[in-house]
Amino acid sequence: MDNLLLSEMVVFARVVEARGFAPAARALGLTTSAVSRSVARLEAALGLKLLHRTTRAVSLTEDGAEVYPGCARLLQTARDVQSLAGRFASTPRGKLRVSAPPVFGELWLAPKLPGFFARWPEVEIELVLVDRVVDLVDEGFDLALRIVAPDALAPGLVARRLGVMGYVLVASPGYLQRRGRPATPAELASHACIWLGYGAFGERLQMQRDGEAPVDVQLTGPLTVNNSAAILATVEAGLGIGLVPDFAAAAGLRDGRLERLLADWHFAGGYATRGVHAVYAPTRHLPRKVRALIDHLAEGGTDAAAEAAMIRP
């Protein structure tokens, strides 16, 4: 036998089940002649006569009765696979491997997950928080969240923008009582500032207000650190004025632990507004579980903790 003739075996079982070529053809969406030819190919490949054919009905030969149970199992297996595929297509389920930057994953993504699991309880997520760009294919990730400018997205990936993220200047009420509140960017030079000290970030800020020329500000202060959560901890403790992502400062601003400064100014350069993107490898059929998580994040989630750290659409 040149091939396994699996489709012919399934057609044969369907003919026996339907008790005729015509009803089997209707069930399979084929012509009666196509069904007849399929059974004939199986008989020729096996060297056996499987069916007695009359103008009114078909019946199994002795050899056909021996062959039929195995073909019937194949037919049932095909139905089971179709049913399973249908369930997976309609209901998100299975395991998702997701990557995100550590602070963003902790403060923005993680609070949204309870709402996702409440909606889709058959999905499991392995969340890996790493401060680097992972290789989705080589490292086996279904999805990654990245905060970058659109032209900085890796080529060859599909990206959906979830929103935008900007940076804000914040300080604790206690610090502002001791040192006063800066009214202009220039006054930051006389304050203790805390900022990100790596990559495109630096101590020089370019700030601009609508309709005005940009101004350069030289930050000075006791601490630079490569983690926004650490900046927030020192700012809330009263060490100085912190420059942090808006999603990271959201809870402290809401609770009164932080106050925002120079809110009518925005930043350029390394601290310019960036897009928040969900990225995944190209595929003809995006798994329902991946689409469900992306949609949930794009909608903003449903729980109050997540809303407190909302990025802007």
C-alpha atoms as a PDB file:
ATOM      1  CA  MET A   1       0.000   0.000   0.000  1.00  0.00           C
ATOM      2  CA  ASP A   2       1.581   3.285  -1.160  1.00  0.00           C
ATOM      3  CA  ASN A   3      -0.171   5.291   1.554  1.00  0.00           C
ATOM      4  CA  LEU A   4      -2.351   4.742   4.575  1.00  0.00           C
ATOM      5  CA  LEU A   5      -5.575   5.711   2.769  1.00  0.00           C
ATOM      6  CA  LEU A   6      -6.895   7.163   6.015  1.00  0.00           C
ATOM      7  CA  SER A   7      -9.497   9.304   4.311  1.00  0.00           C
ATOM      8  CA  GLU A   8     -10.786   6.280   2.368  1.00  0.00           C
ATOM      9  CA  MET A   9     -11.113   4.312   5.591  1.00  0.00           C
ATOM     10  CA  VAL A  10     -13.132   7.128   7.155  1.00  0.00           C
ATOM     11  CA  VAL A  11     -15.370   7.344   4.078  1.00  0.00           C
ATOM     12  CA  PHE A  12     -15.923   3.557   4.142  1.00  0.00           C
ATOM     13  CA  ALA A  13     -16.945   3.707   7.813  1.00  0.00           C
ATOM     14  CA  ARG A  14     -19.311   6.573   7.036  1.00  0.00           C
ATOM     15  CA  VAL A  15     -20.941   4.561   4.213  1.00  0.00           C
ATOM     16  CA  VAL A  16     -21.529   1.627   6.538  1.00  0.00           C
ATOM     17  CA  GLU A  17     -22.857   3.913   9.263  1.00  0.00           C
ATOM     18  CA  ALA A  18     -25.199   5.727   6.860  1.00  0.00           C
ATOM     19  CA  ARG A  19     -26.189   2.454   5.112  1.00  0.00           C
ATOM     20  CA  GLY A  20     -25.608   3.816   1.659  1.00  0.00           C
ATOM     21  CA  PHE A  21     -23.401   5.855  -0.646  1.00  0.00           C
ATOM     22  CA  ALA A  22     -25.882   8.699  -1.181  1.00  0.00           C
ATOM     23  CA  PRO A  23     -26.579   9.470   2.501  1.00  0.00           C
ATOM     24  CA  ALA A  24     -22.873   9.187   3.282  1.00  0.00           C
ATOM     25  CA  ALA A  25     -22.093  11.602   0.451  1.00  0.00           C
ATOM     26  CA  ARG A  26     -24.595  14.125   1.837  1.00  0.00           C
ATOM     27  CA  ALA A  27     -23.095  13.866   5.312  1.00  0.00           C
ATOM     28  CA  LEU A  28     -19.561  14.292   3.991  1.00  0.00           C
ATOM     29  CA  GLY A  29     -20.378  17.058   1.521  1.00  0.00           C
ATOM     30  CA  LEU A  30     -19.201  14.944  -1.430  1.00  0.00           C
ATOM     31  CA  THR A  31     -20.804  13.546  -4.548  1.00  0.00           C
ATOM     32  CA  THR A  32     -22.065   9.975  -4.541  1.00  0.00           C
ATOM     33  CA  SER A  33     -19.598   9.054  -7.268  1.00  0.00           C
ATOM     34  CA  ALA A  34     -16.698  10.475  -5.223  1.00  0.00           C
ATOM     35  CA  VAL A  35     -17.713   8.348  -2.249  1.00  0.00           C
ATOM     36  CA  SER A  36     -18.006   5.258  -4.452  1.00  0.00           C
ATOM     37  CA  ARG A  37     -14.560   5.861  -5.927  1.00  0.00           C
ATOM     38  CA  SER A  38     -13.068   6.325  -2.438  1.00  0.00           C
ATOM     39  CA  VAL A  39     -14.404   2.944  -1.277  1.00  0.00           C
ATOM     40  CA  ALA A  40     -13.192   1.327  -4.514  1.00  0.00           C
ATOM     41  CA  ARG A  41      -9.676   2.690  -3.894  1.00  0.00           C
ATOM     42  CA  LEU A  42      -9.682   1.204  -0.415  1.00  0.00           C
ATOM     43  CA  GLU A  43     -10.836  -2.173  -1.713  1.00  0.00           C
ATOM     44  CA  ALA A  44      -8.142  -2.138  -4.395  1.00  0.00           C
ATOM     45  CA  ALA A  45      -5.432  -1.184  -1.898  1.00  0.00           C
ATOM     46  CA  LEU A  46      -6.478  -3.914   0.559  1.00  0.00           C
ATOM     47  CA  GLY A  47      -7.195  -6.502  -2.150  1.00  0.00           C
ATOM     48  CA  LEU A  48     -10.559  -7.188  -0.501  1.00  0.00           C
ATOM     49  CA  LYS A  49     -14.224  -6.755  -1.398  1.00  0.00           C
ATOM     50  CA  LEU A  50     -15.708  -4.829   1.500  1.00  0.00           C
ATOM     51  CA  LEU A  51     -19.306  -4.161   0.444  1.00  0.00           C
ATOM     52  CA  HIS A  52     -22.122  -5.910  -1.345  1.00  0.00           C
ATOM     53  CA  ARG A  53     -23.725  -3.273  -3.568  1.00  0.00           C
ATOM     54  CA  THR A  54     -27.298  -3.320  -4.829  1.00  0.00           C
ATOM     55  CA  THR A  55     -29.434  -0.572  -6.289  1.00  0.00           C
ATOM     56  CA  ARG A  56     -31.253  -0.219  -2.977  1.00  0.00           C
ATOM     57  CA  ALA A  57     -28.654  -0.792  -0.236  1.00  0.00           C
ATOM     58  CA  VAL A  58     -25.154  -1.829   0.730  1.00  0.00           C
ATOM     59  CA  SER A  59     -24.092  -4.497   3.176  1.00  0.00           C
ATOM     60  CA  LEU A  60     -20.798  -5.691   4.566  1.00  0.00           C
ATOM     61  CA  THR A  61     -18.997  -8.665   3.136  1.00  0.00           C
ATOM     62  CA  GLU A  62     -17.286 -11.063   5.497  1.00  0.00           C
ATOM     63  CA  ASP A  63     -13.996  -9.232   4.919  1.00  0.00           C
ATOM     64  CA  GLY A  64     -15.754  -5.898   5.257  1.00  0.00           C
ATOM     65  CA  ALA A  65     -17.106  -6.900   8.654  1.00  0.00           C
ATOM     66  CA  GLU A  66     -13.523  -7.587   9.787  1.00  0.00           C
ATOM     67  CA  VAL A  67     -12.197  -4.264   8.457  1.00  0.00           C
ATOM     68  CA  TYR A  68     -15.089  -2.047   9.558  1.00  0.00           C
ATOM     69  CA  PRO A  69     -14.405  -1.818  13.341  1.00  0.00           C
ATOM     70  CA  GLY A  70     -10.922  -0.389  12.768  1.00  0.00           C
ATOM     71  CA  CYS A  71     -12.242   2.130  10.230  1.00  0.00           C
ATOM     72  CA  ALA A  72     -15.063   3.063  12.611  1.00  0.00           C
ATOM     73  CA  ARG A  73     -12.493   3.864  15.295  1.00  0.00           C
ATOM     74  CA  LEU A  74     -10.712   6.137  12.833  1.00  0.00           C
ATOM     75  CA  LEU A  75     -13.998   7.895  12.096  1.00  0.00           C
ATOM     76  CA  GLN A  76     -14.662   8.414  15.803  1.00  0.00           C
ATOM     77  CA  THR A  77     -11.124   9.701  16.334  1.00  0.00           C
ATOM     78  CA  ALA A  78     -11.611  12.206  13.510  1.00  0.00           C
ATOM     79  CA  ARG A  79     -14.838  13.379  15.148  1.00  0.00           C
ATOM     80  CA  ASP A  80     -13.133  13.686  18.522  1.00  0.00           C
ATOM     81  CA  VAL A  81     -10.325  15.778  17.025  1.00  0.00           C
ATOM     82  CA  GLN A  82     -12.837  18.029  15.259  1.00  0.00           C
ATOM     83  CA  SER A  83     -14.770  18.473  18.494  1.00  0.00           C
ATOM     84  CA  LEU A  84     -11.592  19.275  20.422  1.00  0.00           C
ATOM     85  CA  ALA A  85     -10.491  21.766  17.776  1.00  0.00           C
ATOM     86  CA  GLY A  86     -13.902  23.386  17.898  1.00  0.00           C
ATOM     87  CA  ARG A  87     -13.714  23.804  21.660  1.00  0.00           C
ATOM     88  CA  PHE A  88     -10.233  25.299  21.449  1.00  0.00           C
ATOM     89  CA  ALA A  89     -11.327  27.633  18.674  1.00  0.00           C
ATOM     90  CA  SER A  90     -14.337  28.937  20.589  1.00  0.00           C
ATOM     91  CA  THR A  91     -13.074  28.963  24.183  1.00  0.00           C
ATOM     92  CA  PRO A  92      -9.608  30.146  25.265  1.00  0.00           C
ATOM     93  CA  ARG A  93      -7.769  27.385  27.077  1.00  0.00           C
ATOM     94  CA  GLY A  94      -4.272  26.060  27.578  1.00  0.00           C
ATOM     95  CA  LYS A  95      -0.982  27.538  28.782  1.00  0.00           C
ATOM     96  CA  LEU A  96       0.387  30.948  27.766  1.00  0.00           C
ATOM     97  CA  ARG A  97       4.028  31.964  28.190  1.00  0.00           C
ATOM     98  CA  VAL A  98       4.273  35.748  28.499  1.00  0.00           C
ATOM     99  CA  SER A  99       7.248  38.085  28.908  1.00  0.00           C
ATOM    100  CA  ALA A 100       7.166  41.639  30.295  1.00  0.00           C
ATOM    101  CA  PRO A 101       9.568  44.172  31.853  1.00  0.00           C
ATOM    102  CA  PRO A 102       9.784  43.608  35.635  1.00  0.00           C
ATOM    103  CA  VAL A 103       8.284  46.824  37.022  1.00  0.00           C
ATOM    104  CA  PHE A 104       5.675  47.072  34.274  1.00  0.00           C
ATOM    105  CA  GLY A 105       4.731  43.441  34.785  1.00  0.00           C
ATOM    106  CA  GLU A 106       4.460  43.856  38.543  1.00  0.00           C
ATOM    107  CA  LEU A 107       2.591  47.157  38.696  1.00  0.00           C
ATOM    108  CA  TRP A 108       0.544  47.212  35.472  1.00  0.00           C
ATOM    109  CA  LEU A 109       0.139  43.706  34.095  1.00  0.00           C
ATOM    110  CA  ALA A 110      -0.176  41.543  37.214  1.00  0.00           C
ATOM    111  CA  PRO A 111      -3.131  43.492  38.712  1.00  0.00           C
ATOM    112  CA  LYS A 112      -5.084  42.886  35.491  1.00  0.00           C
ATOM    113  CA  LEU A 113      -4.687  39.117  35.540  1.00  0.00           C
ATOM    114  CA  PRO A 114      -7.329  38.276  38.188  1.00  0.00           C
ATOM    115  CA  GLY A 115      -9.975  39.803  35.930  1.00  0.00           C
ATOM    116  CA  PHE A 116      -8.656  37.792  32.988  1.00  0.00           C
ATOM    117  CA  PHE A 117      -8.722  34.499  34.913  1.00  0.00           C
ATOM    118  CA  ALA A 118     -12.223  35.219  36.178  1.00  0.00           C
ATOM    119  CA  ARG A 119     -13.325  35.524  32.555  1.00  0.00           C
ATOM    120  CA  TRP A 120     -11.229  32.692  31.090  1.00  0.00           C
ATOM    121  CA  PRO A 121     -10.568  30.139  33.881  1.00  0.00           C
ATOM    122  CA  GLU A 122      -9.240  27.450  31.512  1.00  0.00           C
ATOM    123  CA  VAL A 123      -6.155  29.509  30.585  1.00  0.00           C
ATOM    124  CA  GLU A 124      -2.889  29.212  32.515  1.00  0.00           C
ATOM    125  CA  ILE A 125      -0.159  31.867  32.283  1.00  0.00           C
ATOM    126  CA  GLU A 126       3.554  31.542  32.900  1.00  0.00           C
ATOM    127  CA  LEU A 127       4.634  35.151  33.392  1.00  0.00           C
ATOM    128  CA  VAL A 128       8.363  35.791  33.019  1.00  0.00           C
ATOM    129  CA  LEU A 129       9.507  39.261  34.117  1.00  0.00           C
ATOM    130  CA  VAL A 130      12.897  40.085  32.609  1.00  0.00           C
ATOM    131  CA  ASP A 131      14.532  43.396  31.783  1.00  0.00           C
ATOM    132  CA  ARG A 132      15.647  42.380  28.281  1.00  0.00           C
ATOM    133  CA  VAL A 133      14.141  41.689  24.865  1.00  0.00           C
ATOM    134  CA  VAL A 134      13.370  37.974  24.666  1.00  0.00           C
ATOM    135  CA  ASP A 135      13.419  35.942  21.453  1.00  0.00           C
ATOM    136  CA  LEU A 136       9.800  34.853  21.199  1.00  0.00           C
ATOM    137  CA  VAL A 137      10.420  31.834  18.976  1.00  0.00           C
ATOM    138  CA  ASP A 138      13.720  30.531  20.348  1.00  0.00           C
ATOM    139  CA  GLU A 139      12.658  30.974  23.975  1.00  0.00           C
ATOM    140  CA  GLY A 140       9.125  29.667  23.513  1.00  0.00           C
ATOM    141  CA  PHE A 141       7.069  32.757  24.363  1.00  0.00           C
ATOM    142  CA  ASP A 142       3.534  33.192  23.046  1.00  0.00           C
ATOM    143  CA  LEU A 143       3.445  36.923  23.779  1.00  0.00           C
ATOM    144  CA  ALA A 144       5.661  39.752  24.994  1.00  0.00           C
ATOM    145  CA  LEU A 145       4.788  43.217  26.266  1.00  0.00           C
ATOM    146  CA  ARG A 146       7.223  45.926  25.200  1.00  0.00           C
ATOM    147  CA  ILE A 147       7.436  49.652  25.888  1.00  0.00           C
ATOM    148  CA  VAL A 148       9.162  51.188  22.896  1.00  0.00           C
ATOM    149  CA  ALA A 149       8.803  53.741  20.131  1.00  0.00           C
ATOM    150  CA  PRO A 150       7.033  52.264  17.056  1.00  0.00           C
ATOM    151  CA  ASP A 151      10.226  52.366  14.975  1.00  0.00           C
ATOM    152  CA  ALA A 152      12.078  50.408  17.668  1.00  0.00           C
ATOM    153  CA  LEU A 153       9.893  47.314  17.473  1.00  0.00           C
ATOM    154  CA  ALA A 154      11.760  44.220  16.293  1.00  0.00           C
ATOM    155  CA  PRO A 155      11.126  43.426  12.616  1.00  0.00           C
ATOM    156  CA  GLY A 156       9.265  40.250  11.722  1.00  0.00           C
ATOM    157  CA  LEU A 157       6.845  40.450  14.658  1.00  0.00           C
ATOM    158  CA  VAL A 158       3.181  41.392  14.819  1.00  0.00           C
ATOM    159  CA  ALA A 159       2.453  44.227  17.270  1.00  0.00           C
ATOM    160  CA  ARG A 160      -0.768  45.586  18.726  1.00  0.00           C
ATOM    161  CA  ARG A 161      -0.580  48.860  20.600  1.00  0.00           C
ATOM    162  CA  LEU A 162      -2.260  48.746  23.998  1.00  0.00           C
ATOM    163  CA  GLY A 163      -1.694  52.390  24.891  1.00  0.00           C
ATOM    164  CA  VAL A 164       1.039  54.913  25.618  1.00  0.00           C
ATOM    165  CA  MET A 165       3.253  55.495  28.615  1.00  0.00           C
ATOM    166  CA  GLY A 166       4.838  58.759  29.725  1.00  0.00           C
ATOM    167  CA  TYR A 167       7.131  59.863  32.538  1.00  0.00           C
ATOM    168  CA  VAL A 168       6.098  62.033  35.469  1.00  0.00           C
ATOM    169  CA  LEU A 169       7.875  63.975  38.208  1.00  0.00           C
ATOM    170  CA  VAL A 170       6.660  63.067  41.700  1.00  0.00           C
ATOM    171  CA  ALA A 171       7.575  63.763  45.301  1.00  0.00           C
ATOM    172  CA  SER A 172       6.232  62.921  48.729  1.00  0.00           C
ATOM    173  CA  PRO A 173       4.186  65.507  50.667  1.00  0.00           C
ATOM    174  CA  GLY A 174       6.863  65.436  53.391  1.00  0.00           C
ATOM    175  CA  TYR A 175       9.662  66.313  50.978  1.00  0.00           C
ATOM    176  CA  LEU A 176       7.656  69.179  49.481  1.00  0.00           C
ATOM    177  CA  GLN A 177       6.945  70.576  52.947  1.00  0.00           C
ATOM    178  CA  ARG A 178      10.677  70.619  53.728  1.00  0.00           C
ATOM    179  CA  ARG A 179      12.062  71.776  50.389  1.00  0.00           C
ATOM    180  CA  GLY A 180       9.175  73.508  48.633  1.00  0.00           C
ATOM    181  CA  ARG A 181       7.511  72.795  45.304  1.00  0.00           C
ATOM    182  CA  PRO A 182       9.357  73.676  42.071  1.00  0.00           C
ATOM    183  CA  ALA A 183       7.274  76.015  39.902  1.00  0.00           C
ATOM    184  CA  THR A 184       9.454  75.801  36.770  1.00  0.00           C
ATOM    185  CA  PRO A 185      11.796  73.199  35.257  1.00  0.00           C
ATOM    186  CA  ALA A 186      14.772  75.453  36.083  1.00  0.00           C
ATOM    187  CA  GLU A 187      14.015  75.118  39.806  1.00  0.00           C
ATOM    188  CA  LEU A 188      14.637  71.357  39.629  1.00  0.00           C
ATOM    189  CA  ALA A 189      18.354  72.155  39.675  1.00  0.00           C
ATOM    190  CA  SER A 190      18.086  73.143  43.343  1.00  0.00           C
ATOM    191  CA  HIS A 191      16.304  69.926  44.357  1.00  0.00           C
ATOM    192  CA  ALA A 192      17.436  66.393  45.114  1.00  0.00           C
ATOM    193  CA  CYS A 193      16.364  64.359  42.083  1.00  0.00           C
ATOM    194  CA  ILE A 194      16.297  60.604  41.550  1.00  0.00           C
ATOM    195  CA  TRP A 195      16.189  59.135  38.058  1.00  0.00           C
ATOM    196  CA  LEU A 196      16.899  56.115  35.895  1.00  0.00           C
ATOM    197  CA  GLY A 197      20.615  55.806  35.273  1.00  0.00           C
ATOM    198  CA  TYR A 198      21.035  53.494  32.294  1.00  0.00           C
ATOM    199  CA  GLY A 199      20.522  53.203  28.540  1.00  0.00           C
ATOM    200  CA  ALA A 200      18.895  56.169  26.832  1.00  0.00           C
ATOM    201  CA  PHE A 201      18.106  57.788  30.170  1.00  0.00           C
ATOM    202  CA  GLY A 202      20.339  60.409  31.699  1.00  0.00           C
ATOM    203  CA  GLU A 203      20.577  63.390  33.986  1.00  0.00           C
ATOM    204  CA  ARG A 204      19.709  65.915  31.277  1.00  0.00           C
ATOM    205  CA  LEU A 205      16.004  66.495  30.636  1.00  0.00           C
ATOM    206  CA  GLN A 206      14.413  68.211  27.690  1.00  0.00           C
ATOM    207  CA  MET A 207      11.057  69.618  28.774  1.00  0.00           C
ATOM    208  CA  GLN A 208       8.446  71.515  26.819  1.00  0.00           C
ATOM    209  CA  ARG A 209       5.103  73.142  27.460  1.00  0.00           C
ATOM    210  CA  ASP A 210       2.518  73.639  24.721  1.00  0.00           C
ATOM    211  CA  GLY A 211       3.292  76.715  22.647  1.00  0.00           C
ATOM    212  CA  GLU A 212       6.661  77.320  24.297  1.00  0.00           C
ATOM    213  CA  ALA A 213      10.241  76.599  23.322  1.00  0.00           C
ATOM    214  CA  PRO A 214      11.831  73.485  24.892  1.00  0.00           C
ATOM    215  CA  VAL A 215      14.151  73.925  27.847  1.00  0.00           C
ATOM    216  CA  ASP A 216      17.052  71.754  28.995  1.00  0.00           C
ATOM    217  CA  VAL A 217      17.294  70.810  32.651  1.00  0.00           C
ATOM    218  CA  GLN A 218      20.328  69.335  34.393  1.00  0.00           C
ATOM    219  CA  LEU A 219      19.233  66.990  37.172  1.00  0.00           C
ATOM    220  CA  THR A 220      21.281  66.691  40.339  1.00  0.00           C
ATOM    221  CA  GLY A 221      20.725  64.362  43.224  1.00  0.00           C
ATOM    222  CA  PRO A 222      22.031  61.636  45.511  1.00  0.00           C
ATOM    223  CA  LEU A 223      20.837  58.571  43.587  1.00  0.00           C
ATOM    224  CA  THR A 224      20.447  57.040  40.142  1.00  0.00           C
ATOM    225  CA  VAL A 225      19.049  53.532  39.864  1.00  0.00           C
ATOM    226  CA  ASN A 226      18.032  51.167  37.083  1.00  0.00           C
ATOM    227  CA  ASN A 227      14.630  50.293  38.563  1.00  0.00           C
ATOM    228  CA  SER A 228      11.524  52.481  38.809  1.00  0.00           C
ATOM    229  CA  ALA A 229      10.156  50.632  41.843  1.00  0.00           C
ATOM    230  CA  ALA A 230      13.337  51.474  43.752  1.00  0.00           C
ATOM    231  CA  ILE A 231      12.987  55.132  42.743  1.00  0.00           C
ATOM    232  CA  LEU A 232       9.416  55.157  44.061  1.00  0.00           C
ATOM    233  CA  ALA A 233      10.461  53.614  47.369  1.00  0.00           C
ATOM    234  CA  THR A 234      13.076  56.303  47.981  1.00  0.00           C
ATOM    235  CA  VAL A 235      10.754  59.090  46.811  1.00  0.00           C
ATOM    236  CA  GLU A 236       7.954  57.965  49.121  1.00  0.00           C
ATOM    237  CA  ALA A 237      10.512  57.906  51.931  1.00  0.00           C
ATOM    238  CA  GLY A 238      11.174  61.608  51.270  1.00  0.00           C
ATOM    239  CA  LEU A 239      14.612  61.417  49.653  1.00  0.00           C
ATOM    240  CA  GLY A 240      13.804  63.635  46.688  1.00  0.00           C
ATOM    241  CA  ILE A 241      11.898  64.209  43.449  1.00  0.00           C
ATOM    242  CA  GLY A 242      11.571  61.113  41.294  1.00  0.00           C
ATOM    243  CA  LEU A 243      11.216  60.758  37.536  1.00  0.00           C
ATOM    244  CA  VAL A 244       9.204  57.573  36.931  1.00  0.00           C
ATOM    245  CA  PRO A 245       6.726  56.000  34.456  1.00  0.00           C
ATOM    246  CA  ASP A 246       3.157  57.177  34.917  1.00  0.00           C
ATOM    247  CA  PHE A 247       1.845  53.623  35.483  1.00  0.00           C
ATOM    248  CA  ALA A 248       4.345  53.166  38.320  1.00  0.00           C
ATOM    249  CA  ALA A 249       3.311  56.373  40.088  1.00  0.00           C
ATOM    250  CA  ALA A 250      -0.451  55.869  39.634  1.00  0.00           C
ATOM    251  CA  ALA A 251      -1.172  54.076  42.930  1.00  0.00           C
ATOM    252  CA  GLY A 252       0.904  56.520  45.013  1.00  0.00           C
ATOM    253  CA  LEU A 253      -0.781  59.524  43.388  1.00  0.00           C
ATOM    254  CA  ARG A 254      -4.201  58.018  43.983  1.00  0.00           C
ATOM    255  CA  ASP A 255      -3.470  57.258  47.645  1.00  0.00           C
ATOM    256  CA  GLY A 256      -1.847  60.624  48.389  1.00  0.00           C
ATOM    257  CA  ARG A 257       1.592  59.157  49.062  1.00  0.00           C
ATOM    258  CA  LEU A 258       2.898  61.107  46.072  1.00  0.00           C
ATOM    259  CA  GLU A 259       2.193  64.452  44.439  1.00  0.00           C
ATOM    260  CA  ARG A 260       2.796  65.200  40.781  1.00  0.00           C
ATOM    261  CA  LEU A 261       4.995  68.162  39.839  1.00  0.00           C
ATOM    262  CA  LEU A 262       5.076  70.324  36.701  1.00  0.00           C
ATOM    263  CA  ALA A 263       2.136  68.402  35.249  1.00  0.00           C
ATOM    264  CA  ASP A 264       1.703  70.817  32.318  1.00  0.00           C
ATOM    265  CA  TRP A 265       5.191  70.008  30.998  1.00  0.00           C
ATOM    266  CA  HIS A 266       6.135  66.948  28.918  1.00  0.00           C
ATOM    267  CA  PHE A 267       9.437  65.296  28.107  1.00  0.00           C
ATOM    268  CA  ALA A 268      11.438  64.587  24.960  1.00  0.00           C
ATOM    269  CA  GLY A 269      14.545  62.499  24.285  1.00  0.00           C
ATOM    270  CA  GLY A 270      15.052  59.422  26.441  1.00  0.00           C
ATOM    271  CA  TYR A 271      11.998  60.284  28.535  1.00  0.00           C
ATOM    272  CA  ALA A 272       9.606  60.892  25.622  1.00  0.00           C
ATOM    273  CA  THR A 273       6.218  59.196  25.568  1.00  0.00           C
ATOM    274  CA  ARG A 274       6.406  55.586  24.354  1.00  0.00           C
ATOM    275  CA  GLY A 275       3.955  53.034  23.049  1.00  0.00           C
ATOM    276  CA  VAL A 276       2.994  49.926  25.017  1.00  0.00           C
ATOM    277  CA  HIS A 277       2.743  47.000  22.592  1.00  0.00           C
ATOM    278  CA  ALA A 278       1.763  43.346  22.731  1.00  0.00           C
ATOM    279  CA  VAL A 279       3.974  41.513  20.236  1.00  0.00           C
ATOM    280  CA  TYR A 280       3.871  37.958  18.925  1.00  0.00           C
ATOM    281  CA  ALA A 281       5.330  35.897  16.094  1.00  0.00           C
ATOM    282  CA  PRO A 282       3.392  35.949  12.793  1.00  0.00           C
ATOM    283  CA  THR A 283       0.885  33.125  12.429  1.00  0.00           C
ATOM    284  CA  ARG A 284      -2.023  32.372  10.111  1.00  0.00           C
ATOM    285  CA  HIS A 285      -4.239  31.424  13.047  1.00  0.00           C
ATOM    286  CA  LEU A 286      -3.604  33.340  16.262  1.00  0.00           C
ATOM    287  CA  PRO A 287      -4.498  31.028  19.184  1.00  0.00           C
ATOM    288  CA  ARG A 288      -7.690  32.050  20.941  1.00  0.00           C
ATOM    289  CA  LYS A 289      -5.893  32.218  24.298  1.00  0.00           C
ATOM    290  CA  VAL A 290      -3.387  34.765  22.940  1.00  0.00           C
ATOM    291  CA  ARG A 291      -6.095  36.906  21.364  1.00  0.00           C
ATOM    292  CA  ALA A 292      -8.166  36.762  24.559  1.00  0.00           C
ATOM    293  CA  LEU A 293      -5.298  38.110  26.687  1.00  0.00           C
ATOM    294  CA  ILE A 294      -4.447  40.861  24.203  1.00  0.00           C
ATOM    295  CA  ASP A 295      -8.105  41.920  24.013  1.00  0.00           C
ATOM    296  CA  HIS A 296      -8.380  41.945  27.802  1.00  0.00           C
ATOM    297  CA  LEU A 297      -5.316  44.148  28.168  1.00  0.00           C
ATOM    298  CA  ALA A 298      -6.454  46.461  25.371  1.00  0.00           C
ATOM    299  CA  GLU A 299      -9.810  46.868  27.102  1.00  0.00           C
ATOM    300  CA  GLY A 300      -8.026  47.905  30.285  1.00  0.00           C
ATOM    301  CA  GLY A 301      -9.086  44.974  32.454  1.00  0.00           C
ATOM    302  CA  THR A 302     -11.980  45.070  34.871  1.00  0.00           C
ATOM    303  CA  ASP A 303     -10.631  45.261  38.414  1.00  0.00           C
ATOM    304  CA  ALA A 304     -10.057  48.426  40.419  1.00  0.00           C
ATOM    305  CA  ALA A 305      -6.389  47.720  41.126  1.00  0.00           C
ATOM    306  CA  ALA A 306      -5.710  47.468  37.422  1.00  0.00           C
ATOM    307  CA  GLU A 307      -7.583  50.678  36.677  1.00  0.00           C
ATOM    308  CA  ALA A 308      -5.386  52.490  39.191  1.00  0.00           C
ATOM    309  CA  ALA A 309      -2.350  51.823  36.993  1.00  0.00           C
ATOM    310  CA  MET A 310      -3.995  52.423  33.622  1.00  0.00           C
ATOM    311  CA  ILE A 311      -1.884  53.494  30.693  1.00  0.00           C
ATOM    312  CA  ARG A 312      -3.472  55.993  28.347  1.00  0.00           C
ATOM    313  CA  PRO A 313      -5.131  54.695  25.147  1.00  0.00           C
END
